Amino acid sequence: MIAHRGASAMAPENTLEAFRVAVEAGADMIETDAHLAHDGSIVLIHDAELGRTTNCAGSVSATGMADLRACDAGYWFAFGETRGHPYRGLGLRVPTLDDAFELLESLGCATLVNVEIKNLPGEIGFDPSERLAATLVDRLRALGAIERVIVSSF
């Protein structure tokens, strides 16, 4: 079983809680999405903009980690219209790649991870998707996680 954006039907997508729930449910693999924050940190979030999944606004690539850490990544998650927002205000944050692998290590699991590099609009002479790919490979090597990851992109 592959948990898309973690267990995104049971917890806010691409959060450590969604990854934890996926592991506990027996997922063989977790799929997640990667962007570069303004300071070059790899963050796990699907959209290039923060508004759909957090209480913040603006682009991920223009936001530094300190500001991203202040965003509530559980803010909009709901099981249904009548059940409210059970994760709002509980401290779920936009995680970094390092956060995710620290969690998996703490859970003692060998769950595989599919990291999807999101295609970002490039500037003339600069392709941020290539920068993200290079940074991702460097971080996976540093984390000792290269053997348990599939990298994908459109």
N, C-alpha and C. Protein backbone atom coordinates (compact mmCIF):
# COMPACT_ATOMS: atom_id res chain seq x y z
N MET A 1 0.84 -1.17 0.00
CA MET A 1 0.00 0.00 0.00
C MET A 1 0.90 1.24 0.00
N ILE A 2 0.56 2.21 -0.84
CA ILE A 2 1.27 3.48 -0.89
C ILE A 2 0.36 4.55 -0.30
N ALA A 3 0.88 5.24 0.69
CA ALA A 3 0.11 6.30 1.36
C ALA A 3 0.39 7.62 0.66
N HIS A 4 -0.60 8.10 -0.09
CA HIS A 4 -0.47 9.33 -0.88
C HIS A 4 -0.48 10.54 0.04
N ARG A 5 0.63 11.29 0.02
CA ARG A 5 0.82 12.45 0.91
C ARG A 5 0.69 12.03 2.37
N GLY A 6 1.16 10.81 2.66
CA GLY A 6 0.95 10.22 3.97
C GLY A 6 -0.47 9.67 4.00
N ALA A 7 -0.98 9.45 5.16
CA ALA A 7 -2.36 8.98 5.29
C ALA A 7 -3.28 10.20 5.21
N SER A 8 -3.35 10.79 4.01
CA SER A 8 -3.99 12.10 3.84
C SER A 8 -5.51 12.10 3.98
N ALA A 9 -6.12 10.93 4.03
CA ALA A 9 -7.56 10.88 4.31
C ALA A 9 -7.82 10.88 5.81
N MET A 10 -6.76 10.62 6.60
CA MET A 10 -6.93 10.48 8.04
C MET A 10 -6.24 11.58 8.85
N ALA A 11 -5.33 12.31 8.18
CA ALA A 11 -4.59 13.38 8.85
C ALA A 11 -4.17 14.39 7.78
N PRO A 12 -3.84 15.60 8.16
CA PRO A 12 -3.48 16.62 7.17
C PRO A 12 -2.31 16.16 6.29
N GLU A 13 -2.49 16.30 4.99
CA GLU A 13 -1.52 15.80 4.02
C GLU A 13 -0.12 16.35 4.23
N ASN A 14 0.84 15.48 3.95
CA ASN A 14 2.27 15.84 4.01
C ASN A 14 2.70 16.38 5.37
N THR A 15 2.06 15.94 6.44
CA THR A 15 2.50 16.32 7.79
C THR A 15 3.10 15.09 8.46
N LEU A 16 3.86 15.32 9.51
CA LEU A 16 4.42 14.20 10.25
C LEU A 16 3.32 13.31 10.80
N GLU A 17 2.19 13.89 11.17
CA GLU A 17 1.06 13.09 11.66
C GLU A 17 0.54 12.16 10.56
N ALA A 18 0.43 12.66 9.34
CA ALA A 18 -0.02 11.82 8.23
C ALA A 18 0.98 10.70 7.95
N PHE A 19 2.26 10.98 8.09
CA PHE A 19 3.28 9.94 7.89
C PHE A 19 3.22 8.91 9.01
N ARG A 20 3.05 9.37 10.26
CA ARG A 20 2.95 8.44 11.39
C ARG A 20 1.75 7.52 11.25
N VAL A 21 0.61 8.10 10.89
CA VAL A 21 -0.61 7.30 10.71
C VAL A 21 -0.42 6.28 9.58
N ALA A 22 0.25 6.68 8.51
CA ALA A 22 0.51 5.76 7.39
C ALA A 22 1.36 4.57 7.83
N VAL A 23 2.40 4.85 8.60
CA VAL A 23 3.26 3.77 9.09
C VAL A 23 2.46 2.84 10.00
N GLU A 24 1.69 3.42 10.91
CA GLU A 24 0.88 2.61 11.83
C GLU A 24 -0.16 1.78 11.10
N ALA A 25 -0.63 2.27 9.94
CA ALA A 25 -1.62 1.53 9.14
C ALA A 25 -0.95 0.45 8.27
N GLY A 26 0.38 0.40 8.29
CA GLY A 26 1.09 -0.64 7.55
C GLY A 26 1.46 -0.27 6.13
N ALA A 27 1.54 1.01 5.81
CA ALA A 27 1.91 1.42 4.45
C ALA A 27 3.30 0.89 4.11
N ASP A 28 3.43 0.39 2.88
CA ASP A 28 4.73 -0.05 2.39
C ASP A 28 5.57 1.13 1.93
N MET A 29 4.88 2.19 1.49
CA MET A 29 5.56 3.37 0.97
C MET A 29 4.72 4.60 1.29
N ILE A 30 5.43 5.71 1.53
CA ILE A 30 4.79 7.00 1.71
C ILE A 30 5.19 7.87 0.53
N GLU A 31 4.21 8.45 -0.13
CA GLU A 31 4.47 9.43 -1.20
C GLU A 31 4.34 10.80 -0.58
N THR A 32 5.28 11.68 -0.91
CA THR A 32 5.23 13.04 -0.43
C THR A 32 5.74 13.98 -1.52
N ASP A 33 5.55 15.25 -1.33
CA ASP A 33 5.91 16.26 -2.34
C ASP A 33 6.95 17.20 -1.75
N ALA A 34 7.88 17.63 -2.58
CA ALA A 34 8.98 18.46 -2.09
C ALA A 34 9.09 19.78 -2.85
N HIS A 35 9.33 20.82 -2.09
CA HIS A 35 9.62 22.16 -2.61
C HIS A 35 10.83 22.70 -1.86
N LEU A 36 11.44 23.72 -2.42
CA LEU A 36 12.50 24.43 -1.70
C LEU A 36 11.91 25.68 -1.06
N ALA A 37 12.19 25.84 0.23
CA ALA A 37 11.85 27.09 0.91
C ALA A 37 12.84 28.16 0.48
N HIS A 38 12.56 29.38 0.84
CA HIS A 38 13.40 30.50 0.44
C HIS A 38 14.86 30.34 0.87
N ASP A 39 15.07 29.72 2.02
CA ASP A 39 16.44 29.55 2.53
C ASP A 39 17.12 28.29 2.02
N GLY A 40 16.46 27.55 1.09
CA GLY A 40 17.05 26.35 0.51
C GLY A 40 16.71 25.07 1.22
N SER A 41 15.92 25.13 2.29
CA SER A 41 15.48 23.92 2.99
C SER A 41 14.47 23.17 2.14
N ILE A 42 14.52 21.86 2.18
CA ILE A 42 13.54 21.04 1.48
C ILE A 42 12.35 20.86 2.40
N VAL A 43 11.18 21.32 1.95
CA VAL A 43 9.96 21.19 2.73
C VAL A 43 8.98 20.29 2.00
N LEU A 44 8.17 19.58 2.78
CA LEU A 44 7.24 18.60 2.23
C LEU A 44 5.85 19.19 2.22
N ILE A 45 5.46 19.65 1.05
CA ILE A 45 4.16 20.28 0.85
C ILE A 45 3.82 20.13 -0.63
N HIS A 46 2.57 19.90 -0.95
CA HIS A 46 2.18 19.67 -2.34
C HIS A 46 2.16 20.93 -3.19
N ASP A 47 1.51 21.96 -2.69
CA ASP A 47 1.28 23.15 -3.50
C ASP A 47 2.45 24.13 -3.42
N ALA A 48 2.60 24.92 -4.45
CA ALA A 48 3.61 25.99 -4.45
C ALA A 48 3.17 27.14 -3.55
N GLU A 49 1.88 27.22 -3.27
CA GLU A 49 1.32 28.27 -2.41
C GLU A 49 0.88 27.64 -1.09
N LEU A 50 0.89 28.40 -0.03
CA LEU A 50 0.60 27.89 1.31
C LEU A 50 -0.88 27.84 1.67
N GLY A 51 -1.72 28.59 0.98
CA GLY A 51 -3.09 28.82 1.40
C GLY A 51 -4.03 27.65 1.47
N ARG A 52 -3.88 26.63 0.63
CA ARG A 52 -4.84 25.53 0.63
C ARG A 52 -4.69 24.63 1.85
N THR A 53 -3.47 24.46 2.34
CA THR A 53 -3.26 23.50 3.42
C THR A 53 -2.83 24.12 4.74
N THR A 54 -2.54 25.42 4.76
CA THR A 54 -2.12 26.06 6.01
C THR A 54 -2.93 27.34 6.22
N ASN A 55 -2.71 27.96 7.36
CA ASN A 55 -3.35 29.24 7.65
C ASN A 55 -2.50 30.41 7.18
N CYS A 56 -1.47 30.14 6.41
CA CYS A 56 -0.58 31.18 5.88
C CYS A 56 -0.87 31.41 4.40
N ALA A 57 -0.32 32.50 3.89
CA ALA A 57 -0.47 32.83 2.47
C ALA A 57 0.92 33.07 1.90
N GLY A 58 1.00 33.01 0.58
CA GLY A 58 2.27 33.26 -0.10
C GLY A 58 2.86 32.00 -0.68
N SER A 59 3.94 32.18 -1.40
CA SER A 59 4.58 31.03 -2.04
C SER A 59 5.59 30.40 -1.10
N VAL A 60 5.72 29.09 -1.21
CA VAL A 60 6.68 28.34 -0.41
C VAL A 60 8.09 28.84 -0.72
N SER A 61 8.38 29.04 -2.00
CA SER A 61 9.74 29.41 -2.39
C SER A 61 10.15 30.81 -1.92
N ALA A 62 9.19 31.64 -1.55
CA ALA A 62 9.49 32.99 -1.06
C ALA A 62 9.44 33.07 0.46
N THR A 63 9.22 31.94 1.11
CA THR A 63 9.05 31.91 2.56
C THR A 63 10.19 31.14 3.22
N GLY A 64 10.79 31.70 4.23
CA GLY A 64 11.86 31.04 4.97
C GLY A 64 11.31 30.06 5.98
N MET A 65 12.20 29.21 6.50
CA MET A 65 11.78 28.17 7.43
C MET A 65 11.16 28.72 8.70
N ALA A 66 11.67 29.81 9.24
CA ALA A 66 11.09 30.36 10.47
C ALA A 66 9.62 30.70 10.26
N ASP A 67 9.30 31.31 9.11
CA ASP A 67 7.91 31.65 8.82
C ASP A 67 7.09 30.41 8.49
N LEU A 68 7.69 29.44 7.79
CA LEU A 68 6.96 28.20 7.49
C LEU A 68 6.63 27.45 8.78
N ARG A 69 7.54 27.45 9.73
CA ARG A 69 7.31 26.76 11.01
C ARG A 69 6.15 27.39 11.78
N ALA A 70 5.84 28.64 11.48
CA ALA A 70 4.73 29.32 12.16
C ALA A 70 3.38 28.98 11.53
N CYS A 71 3.37 28.37 10.36
CA CYS A 71 2.12 28.01 9.68
C CYS A 71 1.50 26.78 10.32
N ASP A 72 0.19 26.78 10.43
CA ASP A 72 -0.57 25.65 10.96
C ASP A 72 -0.95 24.74 9.79
N ALA A 73 -0.25 23.62 9.64
CA ALA A 73 -0.49 22.71 8.52
C ALA A 73 -1.72 21.83 8.73
N GLY A 74 -2.35 21.93 9.88
CA GLY A 74 -3.59 21.20 10.12
C GLY A 74 -4.81 22.09 10.05
N TYR A 75 -4.62 23.33 9.69
CA TYR A 75 -5.67 24.34 9.76
C TYR A 75 -6.92 23.99 8.95
N TRP A 76 -6.76 23.56 7.71
CA TRP A 76 -7.92 23.35 6.82
C TRP A 76 -8.41 21.91 6.78
N PHE A 77 -7.68 20.97 7.35
CA PHE A 77 -8.07 19.57 7.26
C PHE A 77 -9.40 19.33 7.97
N ALA A 78 -10.28 18.60 7.29
CA ALA A 78 -11.57 18.25 7.89
C ALA A 78 -12.01 16.89 7.35
N PHE A 79 -12.69 16.12 8.19
CA PHE A 79 -13.25 14.84 7.76
C PHE A 79 -14.56 15.02 7.02
N GLY A 80 -15.21 16.11 7.22
CA GLY A 80 -16.48 16.40 6.59
C GLY A 80 -16.95 17.77 7.05
N GLU A 81 -17.94 18.28 6.38
CA GLU A 81 -18.41 19.64 6.68
C GLU A 81 -18.92 19.80 8.11
N THR A 82 -19.47 18.76 8.68
CA THR A 82 -20.09 18.89 10.01
C THR A 82 -19.15 18.50 11.15
N ARG A 83 -17.95 18.04 10.84
CA ARG A 83 -17.08 17.54 11.90
C ARG A 83 -15.96 18.51 12.26
N GLY A 84 -15.97 19.70 11.71
CA GLY A 84 -14.99 20.71 12.09
C GLY A 84 -13.59 20.44 11.58
N HIS A 85 -12.64 21.04 12.24
CA HIS A 85 -11.23 20.95 11.85
C HIS A 85 -10.45 20.38 13.04
N PRO A 86 -10.38 19.06 13.15
CA PRO A 86 -9.83 18.44 14.36
C PRO A 86 -8.34 18.66 14.59
N TYR A 87 -7.59 19.04 13.58
CA TYR A 87 -6.15 19.23 13.74
C TYR A 87 -5.76 20.71 13.85
N ARG A 88 -6.71 21.60 13.73
CA ARG A 88 -6.43 23.03 13.80
C ARG A 88 -5.89 23.39 15.19
N GLY A 89 -4.77 24.09 15.20
CA GLY A 89 -4.20 24.56 16.45
C GLY A 89 -3.44 23.51 17.26
N LEU A 90 -3.19 22.34 16.68
CA LEU A 90 -2.51 21.28 17.42
C LEU A 90 -0.99 21.27 17.21
N GLY A 91 -0.48 22.23 16.47
CA GLY A 91 0.97 22.31 16.30
C GLY A 91 1.53 21.56 15.11
N LEU A 92 0.68 21.13 14.19
CA LEU A 92 1.21 20.48 12.98
C LEU A 92 1.84 21.54 12.10
N ARG A 93 3.03 21.28 11.64
CA ARG A 93 3.80 22.23 10.85
C ARG A 93 4.15 21.65 9.49
N VAL A 94 4.59 22.50 8.59
CA VAL A 94 5.12 22.06 7.31
C VAL A 94 6.47 21.42 7.62
N PRO A 95 6.61 20.11 7.39
CA PRO A 95 7.85 19.45 7.77
C PRO A 95 8.94 19.59 6.72
N THR A 96 10.17 19.44 7.18
CA THR A 96 11.30 19.36 6.26
C THR A 96 11.52 17.89 5.92
N LEU A 97 12.33 17.66 4.91
CA LEU A 97 12.72 16.29 4.57
C LEU A 97 13.39 15.64 5.78
N ASP A 98 14.26 16.38 6.44
CA ASP A 98 14.95 15.85 7.62
C ASP A 98 13.96 15.45 8.71
N ASP A 99 12.94 16.27 8.94
CA ASP A 99 11.91 15.96 9.94
C ASP A 99 11.26 14.60 9.64
N ALA A 100 10.94 14.37 8.38
CA ALA A 100 10.26 13.13 7.99
C ALA A 100 11.15 11.92 8.26
N PHE A 101 12.41 12.01 7.90
CA PHE A 101 13.29 10.86 8.13
C PHE A 101 13.63 10.67 9.60
N GLU A 102 13.65 11.73 10.37
CA GLU A 102 13.82 11.60 11.82
C GLU A 102 12.62 10.87 12.42
N LEU A 103 11.42 11.20 11.93
CA LEU A 103 10.22 10.52 12.41
C LEU A 103 10.28 9.03 12.06
N LEU A 104 10.58 8.72 10.80
CA LEU A 104 10.62 7.31 10.39
C LEU A 104 11.66 6.54 11.20
N GLU A 105 12.79 7.17 11.46
CA GLU A 105 13.82 6.54 12.29
C GLU A 105 13.30 6.28 13.71
N SER A 106 12.61 7.27 14.28
CA SER A 106 12.09 7.12 15.65
C SER A 106 11.03 6.03 15.74
N LEU A 107 10.31 5.80 14.62
CA LEU A 107 9.29 4.76 14.60
C LEU A 107 9.90 3.38 14.34
N GLY A 108 11.19 3.35 14.00
CA GLY A 108 11.88 2.08 13.77
C GLY A 108 11.36 1.31 12.57
N CYS A 109 10.93 2.02 11.56
CA CYS A 109 10.35 1.35 10.41
C CYS A 109 11.26 1.48 9.19
N ALA A 110 11.03 0.61 8.23
CA ALA A 110 11.79 0.62 6.98
C ALA A 110 10.90 1.05 5.81
N THR A 111 9.87 1.82 6.10
CA THR A 111 8.94 2.27 5.07
C THR A 111 9.68 3.02 3.97
N LEU A 112 9.39 2.67 2.73
CA LEU A 112 9.98 3.37 1.59
C LEU A 112 9.30 4.72 1.41
N VAL A 113 9.98 5.62 0.72
CA VAL A 113 9.43 6.96 0.50
C VAL A 113 9.59 7.34 -0.96
N ASN A 114 8.50 7.82 -1.56
CA ASN A 114 8.53 8.39 -2.91
C ASN A 114 8.46 9.90 -2.74
N VAL A 115 9.54 10.57 -3.07
CA VAL A 115 9.58 12.03 -2.98
C VAL A 115 9.35 12.59 -4.37
N GLU A 116 8.24 13.29 -4.53
CA GLU A 116 7.94 13.90 -5.83
C GLU A 116 8.46 15.33 -5.84
N ILE A 117 9.37 15.57 -6.74
CA ILE A 117 9.88 16.93 -6.93
C ILE A 117 8.82 17.69 -7.72
N LYS A 118 8.35 18.76 -7.13
CA LYS A 118 7.34 19.57 -7.82
C LYS A 118 8.03 20.44 -8.85
N ASN A 119 7.43 20.50 -10.03
CA ASN A 119 7.96 21.36 -11.09
C ASN A 119 7.63 22.80 -10.79
N LEU A 120 8.65 23.59 -10.77
CA LEU A 120 8.50 24.99 -10.41
C LEU A 120 8.74 25.86 -11.62
N PRO A 121 8.04 26.97 -11.73
CA PRO A 121 8.31 27.86 -12.86
C PRO A 121 9.73 28.40 -12.77
N GLY A 122 10.46 28.32 -13.86
CA GLY A 122 11.85 28.75 -13.85
C GLY A 122 12.02 30.20 -14.25
N GLU A 123 13.12 30.77 -13.80
CA GLU A 123 13.51 32.08 -14.24
C GLU A 123 14.45 31.90 -15.42
N ILE A 124 14.66 32.92 -16.19
CA ILE A 124 15.56 32.81 -17.33
C ILE A 124 16.94 32.40 -16.85
N GLY A 125 17.45 31.31 -17.40
CA GLY A 125 18.78 30.84 -17.06
C GLY A 125 18.86 30.09 -15.73
N PHE A 126 17.74 29.82 -15.09
CA PHE A 126 17.77 29.14 -13.80
C PHE A 126 16.57 28.22 -13.70
N ASP A 127 16.80 26.98 -13.34
CA ASP A 127 15.72 26.01 -13.19
C ASP A 127 15.66 25.56 -11.74
N PRO A 128 14.70 26.07 -10.97
CA PRO A 128 14.63 25.69 -9.55
C PRO A 128 14.37 24.21 -9.35
N SER A 129 13.73 23.52 -10.33
CA SER A 129 13.51 22.09 -10.19
C SER A 129 14.85 21.35 -10.17
N GLU A 130 15.80 21.79 -10.99
CA GLU A 130 17.12 21.18 -10.98
C GLU A 130 17.83 21.46 -9.66
N ARG A 131 17.69 22.65 -9.14
CA ARG A 131 18.29 22.99 -7.85
C ARG A 131 17.68 22.11 -6.75
N LEU A 132 16.37 21.92 -6.79
CA LEU A 132 15.71 21.07 -5.81
C LEU A 132 16.22 19.64 -5.92
N ALA A 133 16.35 19.12 -7.15
CA ALA A 133 16.83 17.74 -7.35
C ALA A 133 18.24 17.57 -6.77
N ALA A 134 19.11 18.50 -7.05
CA ALA A 134 20.48 18.41 -6.55
C ALA A 134 20.51 18.49 -5.02
N THR A 135 19.74 19.39 -4.46
CA THR A 135 19.68 19.54 -3.01
C THR A 135 19.09 18.29 -2.37
N LEU A 136 18.08 17.72 -3.01
CA LEU A 136 17.44 16.51 -2.50
C LEU A 136 18.43 15.35 -2.44
N VAL A 137 19.16 15.14 -3.51
CA VAL A 137 20.14 14.04 -3.53
C VAL A 137 21.18 14.25 -2.43
N ASP A 138 21.67 15.47 -2.27
CA ASP A 138 22.65 15.76 -1.21
C ASP A 138 22.09 15.44 0.17
N ARG A 139 20.84 15.87 0.44
CA ARG A 139 20.24 15.62 1.75
C ARG A 139 19.99 14.14 1.99
N LEU A 140 19.51 13.42 0.96
CA LEU A 140 19.26 11.98 1.11
C LEU A 140 20.55 11.24 1.42
N ARG A 141 21.63 11.62 0.77
CA ARG A 141 22.93 11.01 1.08
C ARG A 141 23.33 11.31 2.52
N ALA A 142 23.19 12.56 2.93
CA ALA A 142 23.57 12.96 4.30
C ALA A 142 22.73 12.22 5.34
N LEU A 143 21.47 11.96 5.02
CA LEU A 143 20.58 11.25 5.94
C LEU A 143 20.75 9.73 5.89
N GLY A 144 21.53 9.24 4.93
CA GLY A 144 21.70 7.80 4.76
C GLY A 144 20.42 7.14 4.27
N ALA A 145 19.62 7.88 3.52
CA ALA A 145 18.30 7.40 3.12
C ALA A 145 18.19 7.11 1.63
N ILE A 146 19.27 7.20 0.90
CA ILE A 146 19.22 7.09 -0.56
C ILE A 146 18.63 5.75 -1.02
N GLU A 147 18.86 4.69 -0.27
CA GLU A 147 18.40 3.35 -0.66
C GLU A 147 16.91 3.13 -0.43
N ARG A 148 16.27 3.97 0.35
CA ARG A 148 14.85 3.76 0.64
C ARG A 148 13.94 4.77 -0.03
N VAL A 149 14.50 5.53 -1.00
CA VAL A 149 13.73 6.61 -1.63
C VAL A 149 13.66 6.41 -3.14
N ILE A 150 12.49 6.70 -3.66
CA ILE A 150 12.27 6.84 -5.10
C ILE A 150 11.99 8.32 -5.31
N VAL A 151 12.67 8.91 -6.27
CA VAL A 151 12.43 10.31 -6.60
C VAL A 151 11.64 10.34 -7.89
N SER A 152 10.56 11.10 -7.89
CA SER A 152 9.72 11.20 -9.09
C SER A 152 9.44 12.66 -9.39
N SER A 153 9.02 12.91 -10.63
CA SER A 153 8.64 14.25 -11.05
C SER A 153 7.94 14.15 -12.39
N PHE A 154 7.15 15.16 -12.72
CA PHE A 154 6.49 15.20 -14.02
C PHE A 154 7.31 15.95 -15.01
